C-alpha atoms as a PDB file:
ATOM      1  CA  MET A   1      21.870  -0.779  -6.807  1.00  0.00           C
ATOM      2  CA  GLU A   2      20.937  -0.638 -10.474  1.00  0.00           C
ATOM      3  CA  LEU A   3      17.566   0.989 -11.097  1.00  0.00           C
ATOM      4  CA  THR A   4      15.178   0.409 -13.978  1.00  0.00           C
ATOM      5  CA  SER A   5      13.583   3.397 -15.688  1.00  0.00           C
ATOM      6  CA  LYS A   6      10.290   2.623 -13.886  1.00  0.00           C
ATOM      7  CA  GLN A   7      12.069   2.560 -10.522  1.00  0.00           C
ATOM      8  CA  ARG A   8      13.785   5.867 -11.343  1.00  0.00           C
ATOM      9  CA  LYS A   9      10.390   7.397 -12.114  1.00  0.00           C
ATOM     10  CA  VAL A  10       9.010   6.176  -8.750  1.00  0.00           C
ATOM     11  CA  LEU A  11      11.925   7.782  -6.895  1.00  0.00           C
ATOM     12  CA  GLU A  12      11.812  10.993  -8.965  1.00  0.00           C
ATOM     13  CA  LYS A  13       8.121  11.375  -8.177  1.00  0.00           C
ATOM     14  CA  ALA A  14       8.797  10.791  -4.462  1.00  0.00           C
ATOM     15  CA  ALA A  15      11.654  13.315  -4.517  1.00  0.00           C
ATOM     16  CA  HIS A  16       9.618  15.996  -6.265  1.00  0.00           C
ATOM     17  CA  SER A  17       8.324  17.535  -3.032  1.00  0.00           C
ATOM     18  CA  LEU A  18      11.625  17.210  -1.140  1.00  0.00           C
ATOM     19  CA  GLU A  19      13.842  20.163  -0.376  1.00  0.00           C
ATOM     20  CA  PRO A  20      17.619  19.812  -0.849  1.00  0.00           C
ATOM     21  CA  VAL A  21      19.255  18.750   2.436  1.00  0.00           C
ATOM     22  CA  VAL A  22      22.865  18.871   1.200  1.00  0.00           C
ATOM     23  CA  ILE A  23      24.356  21.918  -0.525  1.00  0.00           C
ATOM     24  CA  VAL A  24      27.599  21.813  -2.523  1.00  0.00           C
ATOM     25  CA  GLY A  25      29.195  25.206  -1.976  1.00  0.00           C
ATOM     26  CA  GLN A  26      32.535  26.869  -2.579  1.00  0.00           C
ATOM     27  CA  ASN A  27      34.515  24.045  -0.929  1.00  0.00           C
ATOM     28  CA  GLY A  28      33.106  21.420  -3.292  1.00  0.00           C
ATOM     29  CA  VAL A  29      32.711  17.783  -2.315  1.00  0.00           C
ATOM     30  CA  THR A  30      34.788  17.472   0.852  1.00  0.00           C
ATOM     31  CA  ASP A  31      35.045  14.618   3.349  1.00  0.00           C
ATOM     32  CA  SER A  32      32.703  16.457   5.696  1.00  0.00           C
ATOM     33  CA  LEU A  33      30.145  16.908   2.887  1.00  0.00           C
ATOM     34  CA  VAL A  34      30.360  13.160   2.135  1.00  0.00           C
ATOM     35  CA  ASP A  35      29.844  12.387   5.842  1.00  0.00           C
ATOM     36  CA  MET A  36      26.856  14.743   6.001  1.00  0.00           C
ATOM     37  CA  THR A  37      25.384  13.150   2.871  1.00  0.00           C
ATOM     38  CA  LYS A  38      25.773   9.663   4.377  1.00  0.00           C
ATOM     39  CA  GLU A  39      23.994  10.821   7.533  1.00  0.00           C
ATOM     40  CA  GLN A  40      21.132  12.390   5.566  1.00  0.00           C
ATOM     41  CA  LEU A  41      20.768   9.230   3.449  1.00  0.00           C
ATOM     42  CA  LYS A  42      20.688   7.134   6.608  1.00  0.00           C
ATOM     43  CA  GLN A  43      17.869   9.317   7.972  1.00  0.00           C
ATOM     44  CA  HIS A  44      15.833   9.866   4.801  1.00  0.00           C
ATOM     45  CA  GLU A  45      16.816   7.212   2.177  1.00  0.00           C
ATOM     46  CA  LEU A  46      16.026   9.656  -0.632  1.00  0.00           C
ATOM     47  CA  ILE A  47      17.614  13.108  -0.708  1.00  0.00           C
ATOM     48  CA  LYS A  48      18.352  16.035  -2.967  1.00  0.00           C
ATOM     49  CA  VAL A  49      21.820  17.555  -3.270  1.00  0.00           C
ATOM     50  CA  LYS A  50      21.902  21.104  -4.635  1.00  0.00           C
ATOM     51  CA  PHE A  51      24.916  22.473  -6.467  1.00  0.00           C
ATOM     52  CA  ASN A  52      25.349  26.180  -5.688  1.00  0.00           C
ATOM     53  CA  GLU A  53      28.942  25.976  -6.949  1.00  0.00           C
ATOM     54  CA  PHE A  54      30.740  23.553  -9.307  1.00  0.00           C
ATOM     55  CA  LYS A  55      27.663  23.465 -11.543  1.00  0.00           C
ATOM     56  CA  ASP A  56      29.782  22.616 -14.595  1.00  0.00           C
ATOM     57  CA  GLU A  57      31.119  19.544 -12.785  1.00  0.00           C
ATOM     58  CA  LYS A  58      27.858  18.344 -11.213  1.00  0.00           C
ATOM     59  CA  GLN A  59      27.667  15.134 -13.276  1.00  0.00           C
ATOM     60  CA  PRO A  60      31.049  13.628 -12.251  1.00  0.00           C
ATOM     61  CA  LEU A  61      30.786  15.054  -8.720  1.00  0.00           C
ATOM     62  CA  SER A  62      27.320  13.521  -8.262  1.00  0.00           C
ATOM     63  CA  VAL A  63      28.530  10.135  -9.474  1.00  0.00           C
ATOM     64  CA  GLN A  64      31.535  10.309  -7.133  1.00  0.00           C
ATOM     65  CA  LEU A  65      29.410  11.444  -4.183  1.00  0.00           C
ATOM     66  CA  ALA A  66      26.972   8.575  -4.746  1.00  0.00           C
ATOM     67  CA  GLN A  67      29.860   6.082  -4.910  1.00  0.00           C
ATOM     68  CA  ASP A  68      31.484   7.502  -1.780  1.00  0.00           C
ATOM     69  CA  CYS A  69      28.190   7.134   0.096  1.00  0.00           C
ATOM     70  CA  GLY A  70      27.302   3.721  -1.302  1.00  0.00           C
ATOM     71  CA  ALA A  71      24.174   5.306  -2.778  1.00  0.00           C
ATOM     72  CA  THR A  72      22.508   5.286  -6.181  1.00  0.00           C
ATOM     73  CA  LEU A  73      22.358   8.409  -8.304  1.00  0.00           C
ATOM     74  CA  VAL A  74      18.723   8.495  -9.397  1.00  0.00           C
ATOM     75  CA  ARG A  75      18.891  11.537 -11.665  1.00  0.00           C
ATOM     76  CA  ILE A  76      20.291  15.034 -12.044  1.00  0.00           C
ATOM     77  CA  ILE A  77      17.666  17.669 -12.751  1.00  0.00           C
ATOM     78  CA  GLY A  78      19.016  21.171 -13.268  1.00  0.00           C
ATOM     79  CA  ASN A  79      21.543  21.764 -10.503  1.00  0.00           C
ATOM     80  CA  VAL A  80      20.019  19.173  -8.176  1.00  0.00           C
ATOM     81  CA  ALA A  81      21.069  15.533  -7.854  1.00  0.00           C
ATOM     82  CA  ILE A  82      18.715  12.935  -6.390  1.00  0.00           C
ATOM     83  CA  LEU A  83      20.413  10.201  -4.359  1.00  0.00           C
ATOM     84  CA  TYR A  84      18.893   7.015  -2.945  1.00  0.00           C
ATOM     85  CA  LEU A  85      20.207   4.564  -0.369  1.00  0.00           C
ATOM     86  CA  GLU A  86      17.918   1.856   0.984  1.00  0.00           C
ATOM     87  CA  SER A  87      17.705   1.909   4.777  1.00  0.00           C
ATOM     88  CA  GLU A  88      19.531  -0.865   6.625  1.00  0.00           C
ATOM     89  CA  GLU A  89      16.531  -1.239   8.940  1.00  0.00           C
ATOM     90  CA  GLU A  90      13.618  -2.963   7.210  1.00  0.00           C
ATOM     91  CA  ASP A  91      10.935  -1.112   9.153  1.00  0.00           C
ATOM     92  CA  LYS A  92      12.326   2.247   7.972  1.00  0.00           C
ATOM     93  CA  ARG A  93      12.299   1.419   4.254  1.00  0.00           C
ATOM     94  CA  LYS A  94       9.826   3.849   2.735  1.00  0.00           C
ATOM     95  CA  TYR A  95      10.455   3.020  -0.920  1.00  0.00           C
ATOM     96  CA  ALA A  96      11.063  -0.757  -0.921  1.00  0.00           C
ATOM     97  CA  LYS A  97       7.489  -1.732  -1.860  1.00  0.00           C
ATOM     98  CA  PRO A  98       7.019   0.868  -4.638  1.00  0.00           C
ATOM     99  CA  LEU A  99      10.435  -0.067  -6.077  1.00  0.00           C
ATOM    100  CA  ALA A 100       9.624  -3.786  -5.945  1.00  0.00           C
ATOM    101  CA  LYS A 101       6.288  -3.118  -7.652  1.00  0.00           C
ATOM    102  CA  ALA A 102       8.042  -1.077 -10.383  1.00  0.00           C
ATOM    103  CA  ALA A 103      10.574  -3.896 -10.851  1.00  0.00           C
ATOM    104  CA  VAL A 104       7.737  -6.412 -11.333  1.00  0.00           C
ATOM    105  CA  LYS A 105       6.126  -4.112 -13.919  1.00  0.00           C
ATOM    106  CA  ALA A 106       9.478  -3.945 -15.684  1.00  0.00           C
ATOM    107  CA  GLY A 107       9.629  -7.752 -15.680  1.00  0.00           C
ATOM    108  CA  ILE A 108      12.545  -8.019 -13.224  1.00  0.00           C
ATOM    109  CA  GLY A 109      11.037  -9.023  -9.882  1.00  0.00           C
ATOM    110  CA  GLU A 110       8.620 -11.746  -8.955  1.00  0.00           C
END
């Protein structure tokens, strides 16, 4: 999913109060970390991933993690990456309306 700058701002604002639910530690981005990230995205749609290790490589690792999970990398702020994956179940989509509204403001949606 490609996000506009307005949509990114909506998600950044929503993520501001969230605590990181995935921590990248000494083992880096492993298969089990990818699986855990997928599960957290499925539950929450919008999550923070904190880099306690591999801070110098957070940009490429965040991009790869997002790709592996089928998610969108919203932004990296400090040592925290914000990831978004729209819920498969329509009734659990918390951010669909604000994102659609931001897309309309950006001249993309209808």
